[in-house]
N, C-alpha and C. Protein backbone atom coordinates (compact mmCIF):
# COMPACT_ATOMS: atom_id res chain seq x y z
N MET A 1 -12.81 -13.30 -6.64
CA MET A 1 -12.61 -12.10 -5.70
C MET A 1 -11.86 -12.16 -4.60
N TYR A 2 -10.65 -12.02 -3.88
CA TYR A 2 -10.10 -12.02 -3.18
C TYR A 2 -10.18 -10.66 -2.29
N SER A 3 -9.52 -10.65 -0.86
CA SER A 3 -9.39 -9.64 0.35
C SER A 3 -8.79 -9.65 1.25
N LEU A 4 -8.41 -8.53 1.05
CA LEU A 4 -7.14 -8.19 2.27
C LEU A 4 -7.65 -7.59 3.34
N GLU A 5 -7.74 -7.71 4.63
CA GLU A 5 -7.88 -6.18 5.54
C GLU A 5 -6.99 -6.22 6.70
N ARG A 6 -6.32 -5.29 6.90
CA ARG A 6 -5.26 -4.80 8.03
C ARG A 6 -5.46 -4.05 8.87
N ASP A 7 -5.21 -3.57 9.53
CA ASP A 7 -4.95 -2.87 10.45
C ASP A 7 -4.10 -3.05 12.35
N VAL A 8 -3.24 -1.17 11.52
CA VAL A 8 -2.53 -1.07 12.88
C VAL A 8 -2.63 0.33 13.29
N VAL A 9 -2.25 0.36 14.54
CA VAL A 9 -2.54 1.89 15.41
C VAL A 9 -0.86 2.47 15.59
N ILE A 10 -0.67 3.52 15.45
CA ILE A 10 0.42 4.04 14.87
C ILE A 10 0.48 5.11 15.83
N PRO A 11 1.15 5.19 17.06
CA PRO A 11 1.08 6.73 17.89
C PRO A 11 2.15 7.61 17.43
N ALA A 12 0.91 8.38 16.49
CA ALA A 12 0.88 9.60 15.94
C ALA A 12 0.09 10.21 15.26
N PRO A 13 0.16 11.59 15.53
CA PRO A 13 -1.26 12.10 15.00
C PRO A 13 -1.67 11.68 13.75
N ARG A 14 -2.78 11.36 13.52
CA ARG A 14 -4.02 11.78 12.02
C ARG A 14 -3.05 11.85 11.11
N ARG A 15 -2.69 13.46 11.45
CA ARG A 15 -2.84 14.48 10.32
C ARG A 15 -0.94 13.88 9.90
N ASP A 16 -0.04 13.46 10.38
CA ASP A 16 0.58 13.45 10.04
C ASP A 16 0.84 12.09 9.24
N VAL A 17 0.68 11.19 10.34
CA VAL A 17 0.15 9.82 9.75
C VAL A 17 -0.32 9.75 8.08
N PHE A 18 -1.05 10.55 7.70
CA PHE A 18 -1.73 10.66 6.26
C PHE A 18 -0.62 11.07 5.66
N ARG A 19 0.30 12.04 5.92
CA ARG A 19 1.15 12.46 5.33
C ARG A 19 1.51 12.12 4.66
N PHE A 20 2.51 10.32 5.95
CA PHE A 20 3.17 9.85 5.62
C PHE A 20 3.09 8.79 4.61
N PHE A 21 1.56 8.52 4.51
CA PHE A 21 1.26 7.53 3.52
C PHE A 21 0.84 8.21 2.45
N GLU A 22 0.42 9.50 2.16
CA GLU A 22 0.43 9.85 0.71
C GLU A 22 1.15 9.94 0.21
N ASP A 23 2.82 10.06 0.73
CA ASP A 23 4.16 10.86 0.04
C ASP A 23 4.06 8.84 -0.85
N THR A 24 4.24 9.19 -2.66
CA THR A 24 4.68 7.68 -3.19
C THR A 24 5.92 7.38 -2.52
N ARG A 25 6.27 8.55 -2.34
CA ARG A 25 8.44 8.35 -1.78
C ARG A 25 8.49 7.16 -0.53
N ASN A 26 7.76 7.44 -0.04
CA ASN A 26 7.39 6.63 1.21
C ASN A 26 7.35 5.28 0.94
N LEU A 27 6.62 4.73 0.04
CA LEU A 27 6.49 3.64 0.00
C LEU A 27 7.77 2.33 -0.19
N ASP A 28 8.59 2.71 -0.78
CA ASP A 28 10.02 2.40 -0.51
C ASP A 28 10.54 2.10 0.61
N ARG A 29 10.26 2.75 1.80
CA ARG A 29 10.22 2.66 2.82
C ARG A 29 9.99 1.67 3.88
N ILE A 30 8.44 1.17 3.20
CA ILE A 30 8.11 0.02 3.92
C ILE A 30 7.25 -1.09 3.22
N THR A 31 8.12 -1.17 2.43
CA THR A 31 8.29 -2.18 1.57
C THR A 31 9.31 -3.46 1.82
N PRO A 32 9.16 -4.34 2.03
CA PRO A 32 10.80 -5.36 1.45
C PRO A 32 11.11 -5.43 0.64
N GLY A 33 12.38 -5.52 1.30
CA GLY A 33 13.51 -4.94 -0.15
C GLY A 33 13.51 -7.02 -0.92
N TRP A 34 13.01 -7.60 -0.92
CA TRP A 34 12.96 -8.69 -2.32
C TRP A 34 12.01 -8.23 -3.11
N MET A 35 11.70 -7.29 -3.02
CA MET A 35 10.31 -7.33 -4.36
C MET A 35 10.72 -6.45 -5.41
N GLY A 36 11.55 -5.11 -4.48
CA GLY A 36 13.10 -4.48 -5.69
C GLY A 36 11.49 -3.47 -6.07
N PHE A 37 11.61 -2.85 -5.14
CA PHE A 37 10.17 -1.92 -5.63
C PHE A 37 11.22 -0.48 -6.28
N ARG A 38 10.13 -0.20 -6.85
CA ARG A 38 11.19 1.44 -7.39
C ARG A 38 9.43 2.37 -7.31
N ASP A 39 9.51 3.51 -7.04
CA ASP A 39 8.91 4.65 -7.41
C ASP A 39 8.90 4.95 -8.49
N ALA A 40 8.32 5.62 -9.51
CA ALA A 40 8.51 6.02 -10.69
C ALA A 40 7.44 6.97 -10.89
N THR A 41 6.91 7.53 -9.70
CA THR A 41 5.39 8.44 -9.85
C THR A 41 5.97 9.92 -10.34
N ASN A 42 5.89 10.24 -11.33
CA ASN A 42 6.76 11.44 -11.76
C ASN A 42 5.49 13.00 -11.04
N GLU A 43 4.27 12.93 -10.40
CA GLU A 43 3.92 13.75 -10.03
C GLU A 43 4.22 13.80 -8.17
N GLY A 44 4.52 14.86 -7.10
CA GLY A 44 5.69 14.76 -5.90
C GLY A 44 3.79 14.75 -4.57
N PRO A 45 3.89 14.82 -3.71
CA PRO A 45 2.90 14.66 -2.91
C PRO A 45 2.47 16.22 -2.82
N PRO A 46 0.88 16.58 -2.16
CA PRO A 46 0.54 15.31 -2.01
C PRO A 46 -0.73 14.65 -3.60
N LEU A 47 -1.18 13.37 -3.04
CA LEU A 47 -2.31 12.70 -3.47
C LEU A 47 -3.17 13.74 -4.40
N HIS A 48 -3.83 13.41 -5.36
CA HIS A 48 -5.57 14.41 -5.88
C HIS A 48 -6.17 13.01 -6.58
N ILE A 49 -7.65 13.61 -7.00
CA ILE A 49 -8.31 12.29 -6.97
C ILE A 49 -7.91 12.48 -9.01
N GLY A 50 -7.36 11.49 -9.27
CA GLY A 50 -7.16 11.30 -11.23
C GLY A 50 -5.92 11.56 -11.02
N MET A 51 -5.18 11.62 -10.00
CA MET A 51 -3.29 11.51 -10.01
C MET A 51 -2.83 9.49 -10.26
N HIS A 52 -2.36 9.32 -11.66
CA HIS A 52 -1.07 8.20 -11.36
C HIS A 52 -0.50 8.04 -10.77
N THR A 53 -0.21 6.17 -9.79
CA THR A 53 1.08 6.24 -9.65
C THR A 53 1.93 4.63 -10.68
N VAL A 54 3.13 5.73 -10.87
CA VAL A 54 3.83 4.47 -11.26
C VAL A 54 4.95 4.16 -10.15
N HIS A 55 4.83 2.42 -10.23
CA HIS A 55 5.56 2.38 -9.31
C HIS A 55 6.31 0.46 -10.40
N TYR A 56 7.35 0.13 -9.50
CA TYR A 56 8.16 -0.42 -10.48
C TYR A 56 8.14 -2.53 -9.75
N ILE A 57 7.72 -3.19 -9.47
CA ILE A 57 8.25 -4.40 -8.19
C ILE A 57 8.97 -5.79 -8.72
N ARG A 58 9.29 -6.63 -8.30
CA ARG A 58 9.74 -7.51 -8.65
C ARG A 58 8.90 -8.96 -8.31
N TRP A 59 8.96 -9.56 -9.62
CA TRP A 59 8.13 -10.92 -8.59
C TRP A 59 8.91 -12.22 -9.56
N PHE A 60 9.38 -13.12 -8.44
CA PHE A 60 10.39 -13.58 -9.07
C PHE A 60 11.40 -13.63 -9.78
N ARG A 61 11.71 -13.77 -10.53
CA ARG A 61 12.03 -12.83 -11.92
C ARG A 61 12.05 -11.51 -12.61
N LEU A 62 10.90 -11.51 -12.84
CA LEU A 62 10.29 -10.69 -13.36
C LEU A 62 9.89 -8.74 -12.76
N ARG A 63 10.60 -8.15 -13.11
CA ARG A 63 10.31 -6.86 -13.49
C ARG A 63 9.19 -6.10 -14.24
N LEU A 64 7.63 -5.61 -12.69
CA LEU A 64 6.63 -5.34 -13.14
C LEU A 64 6.54 -3.88 -13.20
N ARG A 65 5.44 -2.91 -13.98
CA ARG A 65 5.24 -1.80 -13.80
C ARG A 65 3.98 -2.42 -13.20
N TRP A 66 3.62 -1.13 -12.49
CA TRP A 66 2.54 -1.33 -12.06
C TRP A 66 1.76 0.12 -11.31
N THR A 67 1.02 0.75 -12.63
CA THR A 67 0.21 1.92 -12.92
C THR A 67 -1.19 1.78 -11.95
N SER A 68 -0.83 2.75 -11.24
CA SER A 68 -2.43 2.46 -10.51
C SER A 68 -2.98 4.77 -10.62
N ARG A 69 -4.34 4.92 -9.85
CA ARG A 69 -5.31 5.92 -9.71
C ARG A 69 -5.67 5.62 -8.43
N ILE A 70 -5.67 7.66 -8.09
CA ILE A 70 -6.01 7.88 -7.24
C ILE A 70 -7.90 7.57 -7.15
N VAL A 71 -8.90 7.42 -6.94
CA VAL A 71 -9.47 7.12 -7.37
C VAL A 71 -11.43 8.16 -6.15
N GLU A 72 -10.30 7.40 -5.07
CA GLU A 72 -10.97 9.14 -4.00
C GLU A 72 -10.46 9.29 -3.48
N TYR A 73 -9.95 10.79 -2.48
CA TYR A 73 -9.34 11.41 -1.84
C TYR A 73 -10.10 12.42 -0.79
N GLU A 74 -10.02 12.03 0.63
CA GLU A 74 -10.93 12.47 1.54
C GLU A 74 -9.00 13.40 2.90
N PRO A 75 -8.60 13.53 2.85
CA PRO A 75 -7.86 14.39 3.81
C PRO A 75 -8.02 14.55 5.40
N PRO A 76 -7.97 13.96 5.90
CA PRO A 76 -6.90 13.53 6.44
C PRO A 76 -7.07 12.19 6.43
N VAL A 77 -8.26 11.57 6.26
CA VAL A 77 -9.71 10.42 6.40
C VAL A 77 -9.49 9.12 5.69
N ARG A 78 -9.36 9.33 4.62
CA ARG A 78 -8.81 8.37 3.54
C ARG A 78 -8.23 8.49 2.40
N PHE A 79 -8.09 7.62 1.63
CA PHE A 79 -7.85 7.59 -0.19
C PHE A 79 -7.82 6.24 -0.74
N VAL A 80 -8.67 6.05 -1.88
CA VAL A 80 -8.51 4.79 -2.62
C VAL A 80 -7.63 5.21 -3.65
N ASP A 81 -6.48 3.55 -4.29
CA ASP A 81 -6.20 3.91 -5.61
C ASP A 81 -6.92 2.21 -6.61
N GLU A 82 -6.57 2.47 -7.38
CA GLU A 82 -7.04 1.52 -8.11
C GLU A 82 -5.84 1.13 -9.33
N GLN A 83 -5.86 -0.51 -10.04
CA GLN A 83 -4.77 -0.51 -10.34
C GLN A 83 -5.06 -0.01 -11.84
N THR A 84 -4.35 0.44 -13.01
CA THR A 84 -5.27 0.70 -14.27
C THR A 84 -4.61 -0.11 -15.07
N SER A 85 -3.15 -0.71 -13.97
CA SER A 85 -2.57 -2.11 -15.50
C SER A 85 -1.20 -2.38 -14.22
N GLY A 86 -0.48 -3.69 -14.70
CA GLY A 86 -0.52 -4.46 -13.18
C GLY A 86 -0.60 -5.41 -13.35
N PRO A 87 0.72 -6.18 -12.71
CA PRO A 87 0.04 -7.63 -12.67
C PRO A 87 -1.10 -8.51 -11.74
N TYR A 88 -1.79 -8.15 -11.17
CA TYR A 88 -3.67 -8.07 -11.26
C TYR A 88 -4.27 -7.85 -11.85
N ARG A 89 -5.51 -8.94 -11.75
CA ARG A 89 -6.42 -8.77 -13.03
C ARG A 89 -6.99 -7.10 -12.34
N TYR A 90 -7.42 -7.24 -11.30
CA TYR A 90 -8.19 -6.13 -10.54
C TYR A 90 -7.65 -6.05 -9.19
N TRP A 91 -7.62 -4.81 -8.60
CA TRP A 91 -6.60 -4.38 -7.54
C TRP A 91 -7.57 -3.02 -7.14
N ARG A 92 -7.89 -3.11 -5.52
CA ARG A 92 -8.73 -1.90 -5.15
C ARG A 92 -8.43 -1.82 -3.92
N HIS A 93 -7.36 -0.93 -3.48
CA HIS A 93 -7.02 -0.57 -2.06
C HIS A 93 -6.81 0.48 -1.37
N GLU A 94 -8.24 0.87 -0.39
CA GLU A 94 -8.92 1.70 0.12
C GLU A 94 -7.58 1.69 1.72
N HIS A 95 -7.59 2.88 2.13
CA HIS A 95 -6.23 3.52 2.93
C HIS A 95 -6.82 4.39 3.73
N SER A 96 -7.36 3.50 5.28
CA SER A 96 -8.48 4.91 6.14
C SER A 96 -7.17 5.02 7.34
N PHE A 97 -8.09 6.19 8.19
CA PHE A 97 -7.45 6.89 9.55
C PHE A 97 -8.24 7.12 10.08
N ASP A 98 -8.52 6.71 11.43
CA ASP A 98 -9.05 6.70 12.39
C ASP A 98 -8.22 7.41 13.64
N VAL A 99 -8.91 8.26 14.27
CA VAL A 99 -7.90 8.88 15.42
C VAL A 99 -9.03 7.79 16.98
N VAL A 100 -8.00 7.27 16.88
CA VAL A 100 -8.17 6.44 18.10
C VAL A 100 -7.12 6.51 20.07
N ASP A 101 -7.62 6.28 20.45
CA ASP A 101 -6.47 6.19 21.83
C ASP A 101 -5.57 5.70 21.19
N GLY A 102 -4.44 6.62 21.86
CA GLY A 102 -2.67 6.14 21.52
C GLY A 102 -2.27 6.59 19.87
N GLY A 103 -3.16 7.43 18.88
CA GLY A 103 -2.46 7.33 18.06
C GLY A 103 -3.72 7.50 16.71
N THR A 104 -3.65 6.85 15.80
CA THR A 104 -4.25 6.08 14.69
C THR A 104 -4.03 5.08 13.55
N ARG A 105 -5.19 4.81 13.99
CA ARG A 105 -5.45 3.68 13.33
C ARG A 105 -5.30 3.19 11.95
N VAL A 106 -4.02 2.62 11.15
CA VAL A 106 -4.37 2.62 9.96
C VAL A 106 -5.28 1.35 9.35
N ARG A 107 -6.51 2.02 8.93
CA ARG A 107 -7.04 0.29 8.18
C ARG A 107 -6.58 -0.04 6.46
N ASP A 108 -5.97 -1.06 5.82
CA ASP A 108 -5.89 -1.33 4.49
C ASP A 108 -6.59 -2.49 4.58
N ARG A 109 -7.90 -1.89 3.19
CA ARG A 109 -8.76 -3.20 2.98
C ARG A 109 -8.51 -2.83 1.42
N VAL A 110 -7.87 -3.78 0.96
CA VAL A 110 -7.80 -4.54 -0.34
C VAL A 110 -8.47 -5.04 -1.10
N GLN A 111 -9.19 -4.89 -2.36
CA GLN A 111 -10.25 -6.47 -3.06
C GLN A 111 -9.19 -6.78 -4.00
N TYR A 112 -8.59 -7.62 -4.49
CA TYR A 112 -7.80 -7.64 -5.97
C TYR A 112 -8.55 -9.39 -6.78
N ASP A 113 -8.20 -9.62 -7.65
CA ASP A 113 -8.54 -10.85 -8.08
C ASP A 113 -6.69 -10.88 -9.64
N LEU A 114 -6.60 -12.12 -9.56
CA LEU A 114 -6.04 -12.88 -10.19
C LEU A 114 -6.56 -13.05 -11.62
N PRO A 115 -5.35 -12.61 -12.83
CA PRO A 115 -5.65 -12.87 -14.01
C PRO A 115 -5.59 -14.64 -14.25
N PHE A 116 -5.93 -15.05 -15.43
CA PHE A 116 -5.57 -16.92 -15.86
C PHE A 116 -6.53 -18.30 -14.97
N GLY A 117 -7.70 -16.88 -14.69
CA GLY A 117 -8.58 -18.42 -14.17
C GLY A 117 -7.96 -19.23 -13.16
N ILE A 118 -8.54 -20.58 -13.00
CA ILE A 118 -8.38 -21.51 -12.29
C ILE A 118 -6.69 -21.39 -12.32
N LEU A 119 -5.77 -21.26 -12.91
CA LEU A 119 -4.65 -21.17 -12.81
C LEU A 119 -4.43 -20.02 -11.52
N GLY A 120 -5.00 -19.33 -12.32
CA GLY A 120 -4.92 -17.69 -10.79
C GLY A 120 -5.04 -18.32 -9.53
N ASN A 121 -6.43 -19.14 -9.74
CA ASN A 121 -6.43 -19.55 -7.74
C ASN A 121 -5.89 -20.06 -7.56
N VAL A 122 -4.45 -21.40 -8.15
CA VAL A 122 -3.84 -21.70 -7.73
C VAL A 122 -2.40 -21.25 -7.56
N VAL A 123 -2.45 -20.41 -7.90
CA VAL A 123 -0.98 -19.19 -7.60
C VAL A 123 -1.45 -18.64 -6.58
N HIS A 124 -2.68 -18.19 -6.07
CA HIS A 124 -3.44 -17.18 -5.30
C HIS A 124 -2.83 -18.27 -4.13
N ARG A 125 -3.92 -19.25 -3.79
CA ARG A 125 -3.03 -20.47 -3.15
C ARG A 125 -2.10 -20.66 -2.63
N LEU A 126 -0.77 -21.42 -3.73
CA LEU A 126 -0.06 -21.39 -3.31
C LEU A 126 1.03 -20.23 -3.43
N ILE A 127 0.91 -19.42 -3.66
CA ILE A 127 2.19 -18.16 -3.48
C ILE A 127 1.82 -16.95 -2.86
N VAL A 128 0.52 -16.44 -4.28
CA VAL A 128 0.03 -15.20 -3.29
C VAL A 128 -0.30 -14.51 -2.41
N ALA A 129 -1.45 -15.28 -2.24
CA ALA A 129 -1.56 -14.90 -0.75
C ALA A 129 -0.89 -14.58 0.75
N ARG A 130 -0.37 -15.79 0.55
CA ARG A 130 1.59 -15.59 1.69
C ARG A 130 2.04 -14.26 1.62
N GLN A 131 2.00 -14.17 -0.14
CA GLN A 131 3.68 -12.75 0.14
C GLN A 131 2.52 -11.73 0.84
N LEU A 132 1.58 -11.71 0.24
CA LEU A 132 0.95 -10.37 0.61
C LEU A 132 0.67 -10.20 1.92
N ARG A 133 0.36 -11.06 2.84
CA ARG A 133 -0.08 -11.06 3.91
C ARG A 133 1.91 -9.94 4.66
N ARG A 134 2.53 -11.48 4.23
CA ARG A 134 4.36 -11.18 4.25
C ARG A 134 4.95 -9.54 4.09
N ILE A 135 4.03 -9.20 3.01
CA ILE A 135 4.33 -7.95 3.08
C ILE A 135 3.72 -6.81 3.66
N PHE A 136 2.08 -6.65 4.31
CA PHE A 136 2.17 -6.34 5.17
C PHE A 136 2.16 -6.12 6.68
N ASP A 137 2.60 -7.61 6.70
CA ASP A 137 3.42 -8.01 8.26
C ASP A 137 4.93 -7.27 8.21
N TYR A 138 5.37 -6.99 7.21
CA TYR A 138 6.57 -6.00 6.79
C TYR A 138 6.35 -4.64 7.24
N ARG A 139 5.52 -4.40 6.54
CA ARG A 139 5.11 -2.38 6.64
C ARG A 139 4.27 -2.56 7.53
N GLU A 140 3.52 -3.03 9.14
CA GLU A 140 3.23 -3.13 9.83
C GLU A 140 4.71 -2.85 11.30
N ARG A 141 5.69 -4.19 11.19
CA ARG A 141 7.00 -3.86 11.25
C ARG A 141 7.62 -2.57 11.19
N ARG A 142 7.50 -2.09 9.97
CA ARG A 142 8.86 -1.17 9.52
C ARG A 142 8.67 0.18 10.08
N ILE A 143 6.85 0.78 9.78
CA ILE A 143 5.98 2.27 10.64
C ILE A 143 6.07 1.98 11.95
N GLN A 144 6.31 0.87 12.99
CA GLN A 144 6.25 0.94 13.79
C GLN A 144 8.12 1.50 14.18
N ARG A 145 8.42 0.47 13.08
CA ARG A 145 10.00 0.98 14.00
C ARG A 145 10.20 2.60 13.53
N LEU A 146 9.72 3.23 12.13
CA LEU A 146 9.96 4.03 11.79
C LEU A 146 9.60 4.84 13.10
N VAL A 147 8.62 4.83 14.00
CA VAL A 147 7.47 5.29 15.24
C VAL A 147 8.76 5.88 15.96
N ALA A 148 9.27 4.69 16.42
CA ALA A 148 9.76 4.36 17.33
C ALA A 148 10.97 5.22 17.52
N VAL A 149 11.87 5.09 16.30
CA VAL A 149 13.21 5.77 16.38
C VAL A 149 12.91 7.39 16.14
N GLY A 150 11.25 8.03 15.67
CA GLY A 150 10.93 8.81 16.34
C GLY A 150 11.40 9.98 14.42
N ASP A 151 11.33 9.11 13.64
CA ASP A 151 11.35 9.24 12.34
C ASP A 151 10.15 10.25 11.95
N SER A 152 11.13 11.76 11.82
CA SER A 152 10.18 13.34 11.68
C SER A 152 9.37 13.11 10.55
N SER A 153 9.06 12.16 9.49
CA SER A 153 8.53 12.08 8.54
C SER A 153 7.18 11.75 9.01
N VAL A 154 6.93 10.61 9.87
CA VAL A 154 5.72 9.97 10.80
C VAL A 154 5.18 11.08 11.91
N ARG A 155 5.62 11.42 12.23
CA ARG A 155 5.45 12.54 13.30
C ARG A 155 5.00 13.94 13.11
């Protein structure tokens, strides 16, 4: 089992930041283009426990369907999604939102595991861990840019 934790402070009120992150349509705005991300969720915001989200991503030349379910939902404090089908053997992503000086701290805690045993461990070490860091680095820069230009969906 692997884990990834990231924090970023967004200079905007928690209510607005939470609203931005709970709208699955915003995911393509904060996901790197090289992932070929596409949201195909049938339900719109707000999230709710039991809601299924559907996304498509590209990994190398493979087009993968990734389905998750919202298993915890406490607006505007946190929500948790777990993969029900997709590229990982296990994926649990907790999004939390804390009021801090200067705005809202967004904390991502991801626990995940890959299929294929020892081969999965090798792929993680060589490719996946680095890709996940790049994705969350991009996400942090992108959300900061959206706030900096005064994007009304974040404020």
